[in-house]
Full PDB file with SEQRES, HELIX, SHEET, SSBOND, CRYST1, ORIGX, SCALE, CONECT and MASTER records, all heavy atoms in Angstrom:
SEQRES   1 A   36  SER ASN ILE GLY THR THR VAL THR GLY TRP ILE VAL ALA          
SEQRES   2 A   36  ALA VAL GLY PHE SER VAL ASN LEU LYS ALA PHE ALA LEU          
SEQRES   3 A   36  PRO VAL VAL ALA LEU GLY ALA LEU LEU ARG                      
HELIX    1 AA1 GLY A    4  THR A    6  5                                   3    
HELIX    2 AA2 VAL A    7  VAL A   15  1                                   9    
HELIX    3 AA3 LEU A   21  LEU A   35  1                                  15    
CRYST1    1.000    1.000    1.000  90.00  90.00  90.00 P 1           1          
ORIGX1      1.000000  0.000000  0.000000        0.00000                         
ORIGX2      0.000000  1.000000  0.000000        0.00000                         
ORIGX3      0.000000  0.000000  1.000000        0.00000                         
SCALE1      1.000000  0.000000  0.000000        0.00000                         
SCALE2      0.000000  1.000000  0.000000        0.00000                         
SCALE3      0.000000  0.000000  1.000000        0.00000                         
ATOM      1  N   SER A   1     102.569 120.733  88.048  1.00  0.00           N  
ATOM      2  CA  SER A   1     103.325 121.006  89.274  1.00  0.00           C  
ATOM      3  C   SER A   1     102.491 120.721  90.515  1.00  0.00           C  
ATOM      4  O   SER A   1     103.021 120.302  91.543  1.00  0.00           O  
ATOM      5  CB  SER A   1     103.819 122.457  89.286  1.00  0.00           C  
ATOM      6  OG  SER A   1     102.750 123.365  89.459  1.00  0.00           O  
ATOM      7  N   ASN A   2     101.175 120.929  90.416  1.00  0.00           N  
ATOM      8  CA  ASN A   2     100.319 120.626  91.560  1.00  0.00           C  
ATOM      9  C   ASN A   2     100.222 119.120  91.814  1.00  0.00           C  
ATOM     10  O   ASN A   2     100.122 118.689  92.958  1.00  0.00           O  
ATOM     11  CB  ASN A   2      98.924 121.212  91.340  1.00  0.00           C  
ATOM     12  CG  ASN A   2      98.823 122.658  91.790  1.00  0.00           C  
ATOM     13  OD1 ASN A   2      98.552 122.956  92.936  1.00  0.00           O  
ATOM     14  ND2 ASN A   2      99.093 123.560  90.859  1.00  0.00           N  
ATOM     15  N   ILE A   3     100.257 118.339  90.751  1.00  0.00           N  
ATOM     16  CA  ILE A   3     100.301 116.889  90.940  1.00  0.00           C  
ATOM     17  C   ILE A   3     101.682 116.476  91.454  1.00  0.00           C  
ATOM     18  O   ILE A   3     101.809 115.622  92.332  1.00  0.00           O  
ATOM     19  CB  ILE A   3      99.981 116.161  89.622  1.00  0.00           C  
ATOM     20  CG1 ILE A   3      98.568 116.522  89.151  1.00  0.00           C  
ATOM     21  CG2 ILE A   3     100.102 114.646  89.788  1.00  0.00           C  
ATOM     22  CD1 ILE A   3      98.200 115.939  87.798  1.00  0.00           C  
ATOM     23  N   GLY A   4     102.729 117.122  90.920  1.00  0.00           N  
ATOM     24  CA  GLY A   4     104.093 116.780  91.335  1.00  0.00           C  
ATOM     25  C   GLY A   4     104.371 117.061  92.794  1.00  0.00           C  
ATOM     26  O   GLY A   4     105.129 116.326  93.447  1.00  0.00           O  
ATOM     27  N   THR A   5     103.740 118.092  93.347  1.00  0.00           N  
ATOM     28  CA  THR A   5     104.006 118.431  94.739  1.00  0.00           C  
ATOM     29  C   THR A   5     103.422 117.404  95.702  1.00  0.00           C  
ATOM     30  O   THR A   5     103.770 117.376  96.884  1.00  0.00           O  
ATOM     31  CB  THR A   5     103.454 119.841  95.059  1.00  0.00           C  
ATOM     32  OG1 THR A   5     104.056 120.329  96.257  1.00  0.00           O  
ATOM     33  CG2 THR A   5     101.944 119.818  95.240  1.00  0.00           C  
ATOM     34  N   THR A   6     102.521 116.529  95.205  1.00  0.00           N  
ATOM     35  CA  THR A   6     101.961 115.480  96.062  1.00  0.00           C  
ATOM     36  C   THR A   6     102.981 114.389  96.353  1.00  0.00           C  
ATOM     37  O   THR A   6     102.756 113.548  97.228  1.00  0.00           O  
ATOM     38  CB  THR A   6     100.720 114.841  95.409  1.00  0.00           C  
ATOM     39  OG1 THR A   6     101.096 114.149  94.220  1.00  0.00           O  
ATOM     40  CG2 THR A   6      99.675 115.892  95.068  1.00  0.00           C  
ATOM     41  N   VAL A   7     104.091 114.382  95.609  1.00  0.00           N  
ATOM     42  CA  VAL A   7     105.135 113.382  95.846  1.00  0.00           C  
ATOM     43  C   VAL A   7     105.702 113.526  97.260  1.00  0.00           C  
ATOM     44  O   VAL A   7     106.147 112.542  97.866  1.00  0.00           O  
ATOM     45  CB  VAL A   7     106.238 113.513  94.783  1.00  0.00           C  
ATOM     46  CG1 VAL A   7     107.425 112.604  95.103  1.00  0.00           C  
ATOM     47  CG2 VAL A   7     105.680 113.184  93.403  1.00  0.00           C  
ATOM     48  N   THR A   8     105.690 114.749  97.803  1.00  0.00           N  
ATOM     49  CA  THR A   8     106.176 114.955  99.177  1.00  0.00           C  
ATOM     50  C   THR A   8     105.450 114.035 100.157  1.00  0.00           C  
ATOM     51  O   THR A   8     106.068 113.405 101.023  1.00  0.00           O  
ATOM     52  CB  THR A   8     105.975 116.423  99.605  1.00  0.00           C  
ATOM     53  OG1 THR A   8     106.669 117.276  98.713  1.00  0.00           O  
ATOM     54  CG2 THR A   8     106.493 116.646 101.019  1.00  0.00           C  
ATOM     55  N   GLY A   9     104.136 113.971 100.026  1.00  0.00           N  
ATOM     56  CA  GLY A   9     103.362 113.106 100.913  1.00  0.00           C  
ATOM     57  C   GLY A   9     103.763 111.660 100.792  1.00  0.00           C  
ATOM     58  O   GLY A   9     103.837 110.935 101.793  1.00  0.00           O  
ATOM     59  N   TRP A  10     104.050 111.216  99.575  1.00  0.00           N  
ATOM     60  CA  TRP A  10     104.466 109.830  99.381  1.00  0.00           C  
ATOM     61  C   TRP A  10     105.844 109.568  99.973  1.00  0.00           C  
ATOM     62  O   TRP A  10     106.113 108.470 100.483  1.00  0.00           O  
ATOM     63  CB  TRP A  10     104.447 109.493  97.890  1.00  0.00           C  
ATOM     64  CG  TRP A  10     103.057 109.419  97.341  1.00  0.00           C  
ATOM     65  CD1 TRP A  10     102.432 110.296  96.518  1.00  0.00           C  
ATOM     66  CD2 TRP A  10     102.097 108.395  97.620  1.00  0.00           C  
ATOM     67  NE1 TRP A  10     101.150 109.904  96.255  1.00  0.00           N  
ATOM     68  CE2 TRP A  10     100.912 108.730  96.918  1.00  0.00           C  
ATOM     69  CE3 TRP A  10     102.110 107.231  98.397  1.00  0.00           C  
ATOM     70  CZ2 TRP A  10      99.768 107.949  96.959  1.00  0.00           C  
ATOM     71  CZ3 TRP A  10     100.968 106.452  98.443  1.00  0.00           C  
ATOM     72  CH2 TRP A  10      99.817 106.803  97.733  1.00  0.00           C  
ATOM     73  N   ILE A  11     106.742 110.558  99.897  1.00  0.00           N  
ATOM     74  CA  ILE A  11     108.062 110.404 100.520  1.00  0.00           C  
ATOM     75  C   ILE A  11     107.910 110.220 102.024  1.00  0.00           C  
ATOM     76  O   ILE A  11     108.510 109.329 102.642  1.00  0.00           O  
ATOM     77  CB  ILE A  11     108.964 111.610 100.210  1.00  0.00           C  
ATOM     78  CG1 ILE A  11     109.307 111.657  98.716  1.00  0.00           C  
ATOM     79  CG2 ILE A  11     110.249 111.557 101.037  1.00  0.00           C  
ATOM     80  CD1 ILE A  11     110.090 112.885  98.308  1.00  0.00           C  
ATOM     81  N   VAL A  12     107.083 111.097 102.625  1.00  0.00           N  
ATOM     82  CA  VAL A  12     106.872 111.010 104.078  1.00  0.00           C  
ATOM     83  C   VAL A  12     106.204 109.688 104.447  1.00  0.00           C  
ATOM     84  O   VAL A  12     106.584 109.023 105.412  1.00  0.00           O  
ATOM     85  CB  VAL A  12     106.026 112.198 104.571  1.00  0.00           C  
ATOM     86  CG1 VAL A  12     105.714 112.063 106.055  1.00  0.00           C  
ATOM     87  CG2 VAL A  12     106.756 113.509 104.301  1.00  0.00           C  
ATOM     88  N   ALA A  13     105.189 109.282 103.664  1.00  0.00           N  
ATOM     89  CA  ALA A  13     104.451 108.062 103.971  1.00  0.00           C  
ATOM     90  C   ALA A  13     105.293 106.814 103.776  1.00  0.00           C  
ATOM     91  O   ALA A  13     105.228 105.865 104.578  1.00  0.00           O  
ATOM     92  CB  ALA A  13     103.197 107.985 103.098  1.00  0.00           C  
ATOM     93  N   ALA A  14     106.110 106.808 102.716  1.00  0.00           N  
ATOM     94  CA  ALA A  14     106.859 105.601 102.390  1.00  0.00           C  
ATOM     95  C   ALA A  14     108.159 105.477 103.165  1.00  0.00           C  
ATOM     96  O   ALA A  14     108.583 104.378 103.517  1.00  0.00           O  
ATOM     97  CB  ALA A  14     107.153 105.574 100.889  1.00  0.00           C  
ATOM     98  N   VAL A  15     108.786 106.631 103.440  1.00  0.00           N  
ATOM     99  CA  VAL A  15     110.106 106.600 104.076  1.00  0.00           C  
ATOM    100  C   VAL A  15     110.046 107.066 105.524  1.00  0.00           C  
ATOM    101  O   VAL A  15     110.682 106.496 106.410  1.00  0.00           O  
ATOM    102  CB  VAL A  15     111.113 107.480 103.286  1.00  0.00           C  
ATOM    103  CG1 VAL A  15     112.464 107.481 103.959  1.00  0.00           C  
ATOM    104  CG2 VAL A  15     111.218 107.000 101.846  1.00  0.00           C  
ATOM    105  N   GLY A  16     109.239 108.084 105.755  1.00  0.00           N  
ATOM    106  CA  GLY A  16     109.272 108.762 107.047  1.00  0.00           C  
ATOM    107  C   GLY A  16     108.861 107.918 108.222  1.00  0.00           C  
ATOM    108  O   GLY A  16     109.211 108.225 109.360  1.00  0.00           O  
ATOM    109  N   PHE A  17     108.119 106.859 108.018  1.00  0.00           N  
ATOM    110  CA  PHE A  17     107.618 106.096 109.161  1.00  0.00           C  
ATOM    111  C   PHE A  17     108.038 104.629 109.109  1.00  0.00           C  
ATOM    112  O   PHE A  17     107.501 103.791 109.807  1.00  0.00           O  
ATOM    113  CB  PHE A  17     106.090 106.188 109.210  1.00  0.00           C  
ATOM    114  CG  PHE A  17     105.597 107.603 109.261  1.00  0.00           C  
ATOM    115  CD1 PHE A  17     105.072 108.208 108.132  1.00  0.00           C  
ATOM    116  CD2 PHE A  17     105.700 108.347 110.424  1.00  0.00           C  
ATOM    117  CE1 PHE A  17     104.632 109.521 108.173  1.00  0.00           C  
ATOM    118  CE2 PHE A  17     105.258 109.665 110.471  1.00  0.00           C  
ATOM    119  CZ  PHE A  17     104.730 110.253 109.340  1.00  0.00           C  
ATOM    120  N   SER A  18     109.036 104.323 108.243  1.00  0.00           N  
ATOM    121  CA  SER A  18     109.447 102.923 108.133  1.00  0.00           C  
ATOM    122  C   SER A  18     110.940 102.722 108.308  1.00  0.00           C  
ATOM    123  O   SER A  18     111.402 101.586 108.348  1.00  0.00           O  
ATOM    124  CB  SER A  18     109.026 102.374 106.766  1.00  0.00           C  
ATOM    125  OG  SER A  18     109.594 103.141 105.717  1.00  0.00           O  
ATOM    126  N   VAL A  19     111.723 103.807 108.378  1.00  0.00           N  
ATOM    127  CA  VAL A  19     113.170 103.665 108.550  1.00  0.00           C  
ATOM    128  C   VAL A  19     113.628 104.627 109.639  1.00  0.00           C  
ATOM    129  O   VAL A  19     112.921 105.563 110.018  1.00  0.00           O  
ATOM    130  CB  VAL A  19     113.934 103.982 107.236  1.00  0.00           C  
ATOM    131  CG1 VAL A  19     113.533 103.027 106.140  1.00  0.00           C  
ATOM    132  CG2 VAL A  19     113.706 105.414 106.801  1.00  0.00           C  
ATOM    133  N   ASN A  20     114.858 104.378 110.132  1.00  0.00           N  
ATOM    134  CA  ASN A  20     115.482 105.275 111.092  1.00  0.00           C  
ATOM    135  C   ASN A  20     116.009 106.480 110.316  1.00  0.00           C  
ATOM    136  O   ASN A  20     117.064 106.406 109.688  1.00  0.00           O  
ATOM    137  CB  ASN A  20     116.616 104.552 111.826  1.00  0.00           C  
ATOM    138  CG  ASN A  20     117.234 105.426 112.908  1.00  0.00           C  
ATOM    139  OD1 ASN A  20     117.066 106.639 112.925  1.00  0.00           O  
ATOM    140  ND2 ASN A  20     117.952 104.802 113.826  1.00  0.00           N  
ATOM    141  N   LEU A  21     115.250 107.566 110.355  1.00  0.00           N  
ATOM    142  CA  LEU A  21     115.574 108.696 109.495  1.00  0.00           C  
ATOM    143  C   LEU A  21     116.909 109.347 109.839  1.00  0.00           C  
ATOM    144  O   LEU A  21     117.653 109.752 108.954  1.00  0.00           O  
ATOM    145  CB  LEU A  21     114.449 109.736 109.570  1.00  0.00           C  
ATOM    146  CG  LEU A  21     113.147 109.355 108.865  1.00  0.00           C  
ATOM    147  CD1 LEU A  21     112.133 110.465 109.018  1.00  0.00           C  
ATOM    148  CD2 LEU A  21     113.388 109.081 107.399  1.00  0.00           C  
ATOM    149  N   LYS A  22     117.222 109.446 111.132  1.00  0.00           N  
ATOM    150  CA  LYS A  22     118.484 110.085 111.503  1.00  0.00           C  
ATOM    151  C   LYS A  22     119.677 109.287 110.991  1.00  0.00           C  
ATOM    152  O   LYS A  22     120.668 109.852 110.534  1.00  0.00           O  
ATOM    153  CB  LYS A  22     118.566 110.256 113.021  1.00  0.00           C  
ATOM    154  CG  LYS A  22     117.886 111.521 113.516  1.00  0.00           C  
ATOM    155  CD  LYS A  22     118.311 111.833 114.928  1.00  0.00           C  
ATOM    156  CE  LYS A  22     117.744 113.197 115.355  1.00  0.00           C  
ATOM    157  NZ  LYS A  22     118.148 113.549 116.734  1.00  0.00           N  
ATOM    158  N   ALA A  23     119.560 107.956 111.063  1.00  0.00           N  
ATOM    159  CA  ALA A  23     120.648 107.114 110.586  1.00  0.00           C  
ATOM    160  C   ALA A  23     120.853 107.283 109.084  1.00  0.00           C  
ATOM    161  O   ALA A  23     121.965 107.157 108.568  1.00  0.00           O  
ATOM    162  CB  ALA A  23     120.367 105.650 110.915  1.00  0.00           C  
ATOM    163  N   PHE A  24     119.777 107.597 108.375  1.00  0.00           N  
ATOM    164  CA  PHE A  24     119.863 107.783 106.930  1.00  0.00           C  
ATOM    165  C   PHE A  24     120.170 109.231 106.559  1.00  0.00           C  
ATOM    166  O   PHE A  24     120.904 109.505 105.612  1.00  0.00           O  
ATOM    167  CB  PHE A  24     118.530 107.348 106.297  1.00  0.00           C  
ATOM    168  CG  PHE A  24     118.495 107.499 104.812  1.00  0.00           C  
ATOM    169  CD1 PHE A  24     119.259 106.679 103.990  1.00  0.00           C  
ATOM    170  CD2 PHE A  24     117.700 108.469 104.208  1.00  0.00           C  
ATOM    171  CE1 PHE A  24     119.226 106.808 102.608  1.00  0.00           C  
ATOM    172  CE2 PHE A  24     117.663 108.608 102.826  1.00  0.00           C  
ATOM    173  CZ  PHE A  24     118.430 107.771 102.028  1.00  0.00           C  
ATOM    174  N   ALA A  25     119.620 110.184 107.342  1.00  0.00           N  
ATOM    175  CA  ALA A  25     119.728 111.598 106.997  1.00  0.00           C  
ATOM    176  C   ALA A  25     121.133 112.150 107.195  1.00  0.00           C  
ATOM    177  O   ALA A  25     121.639 112.905 106.354  1.00  0.00           O  
ATOM    178  CB  ALA A  25     118.731 112.414 107.819  1.00  0.00           C  
ATOM    179  N   LEU A  26     121.773 111.793 108.288  1.00  0.00           N  
ATOM    180  CA  LEU A  26     123.093 112.364 108.592  1.00  0.00           C  
ATOM    181  C   LEU A  26     124.139 112.030 107.523  1.00  0.00           C  
ATOM    182  O   LEU A  26     124.903 112.920 107.123  1.00  0.00           O  
ATOM    183  CB  LEU A  26     123.558 111.918 109.974  1.00  0.00           C  
ATOM    184  CG  LEU A  26     122.762 112.529 111.143  1.00  0.00           C  
ATOM    185  CD1 LEU A  26     123.224 111.948 112.470  1.00  0.00           C  
ATOM    186  CD2 LEU A  26     122.908 114.050 111.152  1.00  0.00           C  
ATOM    187  N   PRO A  27     124.213 110.779 107.036  1.00  0.00           N  
ATOM    188  CA  PRO A  27     125.162 110.513 105.943  1.00  0.00           C  
ATOM    189  C   PRO A  27     124.846 111.318 104.670  1.00  0.00           C  
ATOM    190  O   PRO A  27     125.764 111.716 103.949  1.00  0.00           O  
ATOM    191  CB  PRO A  27     124.993 109.004 105.697  1.00  0.00           C  
ATOM    192  CG  PRO A  27     124.487 108.459 106.977  1.00  0.00           C  
ATOM    193  CD  PRO A  27     123.596 109.533 107.529  1.00  0.00           C  
ATOM    194  N   VAL A  28     123.545 111.552 104.418  1.00  0.00           N  
ATOM    195  CA  VAL A  28     123.177 112.337 103.235  1.00  0.00           C  
ATOM    196  C   VAL A  28     123.657 113.781 103.399  1.00  0.00           C  
ATOM    197  O   VAL A  28     124.180 114.389 102.460  1.00  0.00           O  
ATOM    198  CB  VAL A  28     121.647 112.297 103.013  1.00  0.00           C  
ATOM    199  CG1 VAL A  28     121.239 113.234 101.874  1.00  0.00           C  
ATOM    200  CG2 VAL A  28     121.193 110.877 102.701  1.00  0.00           C  
ATOM    201  N   VAL A  29     123.486 114.345 104.601  1.00  0.00           N  
ATOM    202  CA  VAL A  29     123.986 115.705 104.867  1.00  0.00           C  
ATOM    203  C   VAL A  29     125.501 115.743 104.718  1.00  0.00           C  
ATOM    204  O   VAL A  29     126.065 116.686 104.137  1.00  0.00           O  
ATOM    205  CB  VAL A  29     123.567 116.165 106.275  1.00  0.00           C  
ATOM    206  CG1 VAL A  29     124.222 117.509 106.608  1.00  0.00           C  
ATOM    207  CG2 VAL A  29     122.053 116.279 106.376  1.00  0.00           C  
ATOM    208  N   ALA A  30     126.179 114.711 105.233  1.00  0.00           N  
ATOM    209  CA  ALA A  30     127.643 114.654 105.134  1.00  0.00           C  
ATOM    210  C   ALA A  30     128.089 114.587 103.677  1.00  0.00           C  
ATOM    211  O   ALA A  30     129.060 115.247 103.272  1.00  0.00           O  
ATOM    212  CB  ALA A  30     128.159 113.444 105.901  1.00  0.00           C  
ATOM    213  N   LEU A  31     127.369 113.785 102.871  1.00  0.00           N  
ATOM    214  CA  LEU A  31     127.696 113.701 101.445  1.00  0.00           C  
ATOM    215  C   LEU A  31     127.534 115.062 100.780  1.00  0.00           C  
ATOM    216  O   LEU A  31     128.374 115.478  99.971  1.00  0.00           O  
ATOM    217  CB  LEU A  31     126.792 112.666 100.768  1.00  0.00           C  
ATOM    218  CG  LEU A  31     126.913 112.554  99.249  1.00  0.00           C  
ATOM    219  CD1 LEU A  31     128.324 112.128  98.849  1.00  0.00           C  
ATOM    220  CD2 LEU A  31     125.882 111.561  98.695  1.00  0.00           C  
ATOM    221  N   GLY A  32     126.453 115.759 101.127  1.00  0.00           N  
ATOM    222  CA  GLY A  32     126.244 117.089 100.570  1.00  0.00           C  
ATOM    223  C   GLY A  32     127.352 118.054 100.944  1.00  0.00           C  
ATOM    224  O   GLY A  32     127.844 118.817 100.101  1.00  0.00           O  
ATOM    225  N   ALA A  33     127.766 118.012 102.208  1.00  0.00           N  
ATOM    226  CA  ALA A  33     128.849 118.895 102.657  1.00  0.00           C  
ATOM    227  C   ALA A  33     130.150 118.572 101.935  1.00  0.00           C  
ATOM    228  O   ALA A  33     130.918 119.474 101.556  1.00  0.00           O  
ATOM    229  CB  ALA A  33     129.026 118.750 104.163  1.00  0.00           C  
ATOM    230  N   LEU A  34     130.412 117.272 101.728  1.00  0.00           N  
ATOM    231  CA  LEU A  34     131.631 116.860 101.035  1.00  0.00           C  
ATOM    232  C   LEU A  34     131.642 117.362  99.598  1.00  0.00           C  
ATOM    233  O   LEU A  34     132.662 117.867  99.106  1.00  0.00           O  
ATOM    234  CB  LEU A  34     131.739 115.332 101.059  1.00  0.00           C  
ATOM    235  CG  LEU A  34     133.000 114.737 100.422  1.00  0.00           C  
ATOM    236  CD1 LEU A  34     134.255 115.204 101.176  1.00  0.00           C  
ATOM    237  CD2 LEU A  34     132.945 113.209 100.425  1.00  0.00           C  
ATOM    238  N   LEU A  35     130.501 117.254  98.924  1.00  0.00           N  
ATOM    239  CA  LEU A  35     130.412 117.746  97.552  1.00  0.00           C  
ATOM    240  C   LEU A  35     130.597 119.258  97.493  1.00  0.00           C  
ATOM    241  O   LEU A  35     131.258 119.785  96.594  1.00  0.00           O  
ATOM    242  CB  LEU A  35     129.057 117.365  96.949  1.00  0.00           C  
ATOM    243  CG  LEU A  35     128.834 115.882  96.651  1.00  0.00           C  
ATOM    244  CD1 LEU A  35     127.391 115.635  96.231  1.00  0.00           C  
ATOM    245  CD2 LEU A  35     129.786 115.410  95.558  1.00  0.00           C  
ATOM    246  N   ARG A  36     130.008 119.977  98.435  1.00  0.00           N  
ATOM    247  CA  ARG A  36     130.128 121.437  98.479  1.00  0.00           C  
ATOM    248  C   ARG A  36     131.572 121.860  98.719  1.00  0.00           C  
ATOM    249  O   ARG A  36     132.098 122.759  98.054  1.00  0.00           O  
ATOM    250  CB  ARG A  36     129.195 121.983  99.558  1.00  0.00           C  
ATOM    251  CG  ARG A  36     129.501 123.382 100.065  1.00  0.00           C  
ATOM    252  CD  ARG A  36     129.524 124.431  98.992  1.00  0.00           C  
ATOM    253  NE  ARG A  36     128.218 124.747  98.443  1.00  0.00           N  
ATOM    254  CZ  ARG A  36     128.017 125.703  97.547  1.00  0.00           C  
ATOM    255  NH1 ARG A  36     129.051 126.411  97.090  1.00  0.00           N  
ATOM    256  NH2 ARG A  36     126.814 125.942  97.073  1.00  0.00           N  
TER     257      ARG A  36                                                      
MASTER        0    0    0    3    0    0    0    6  256    1    0    3          
END                                                                             
């Protein structure tokens, strides 16, 4: 689990600084709300 928690850093490094996060995040939140 301690090795697995390092994946967070890779998500931030790979996604967080190379794409428009708001443009990607809002549809994901909307999908979650629709499923709920």
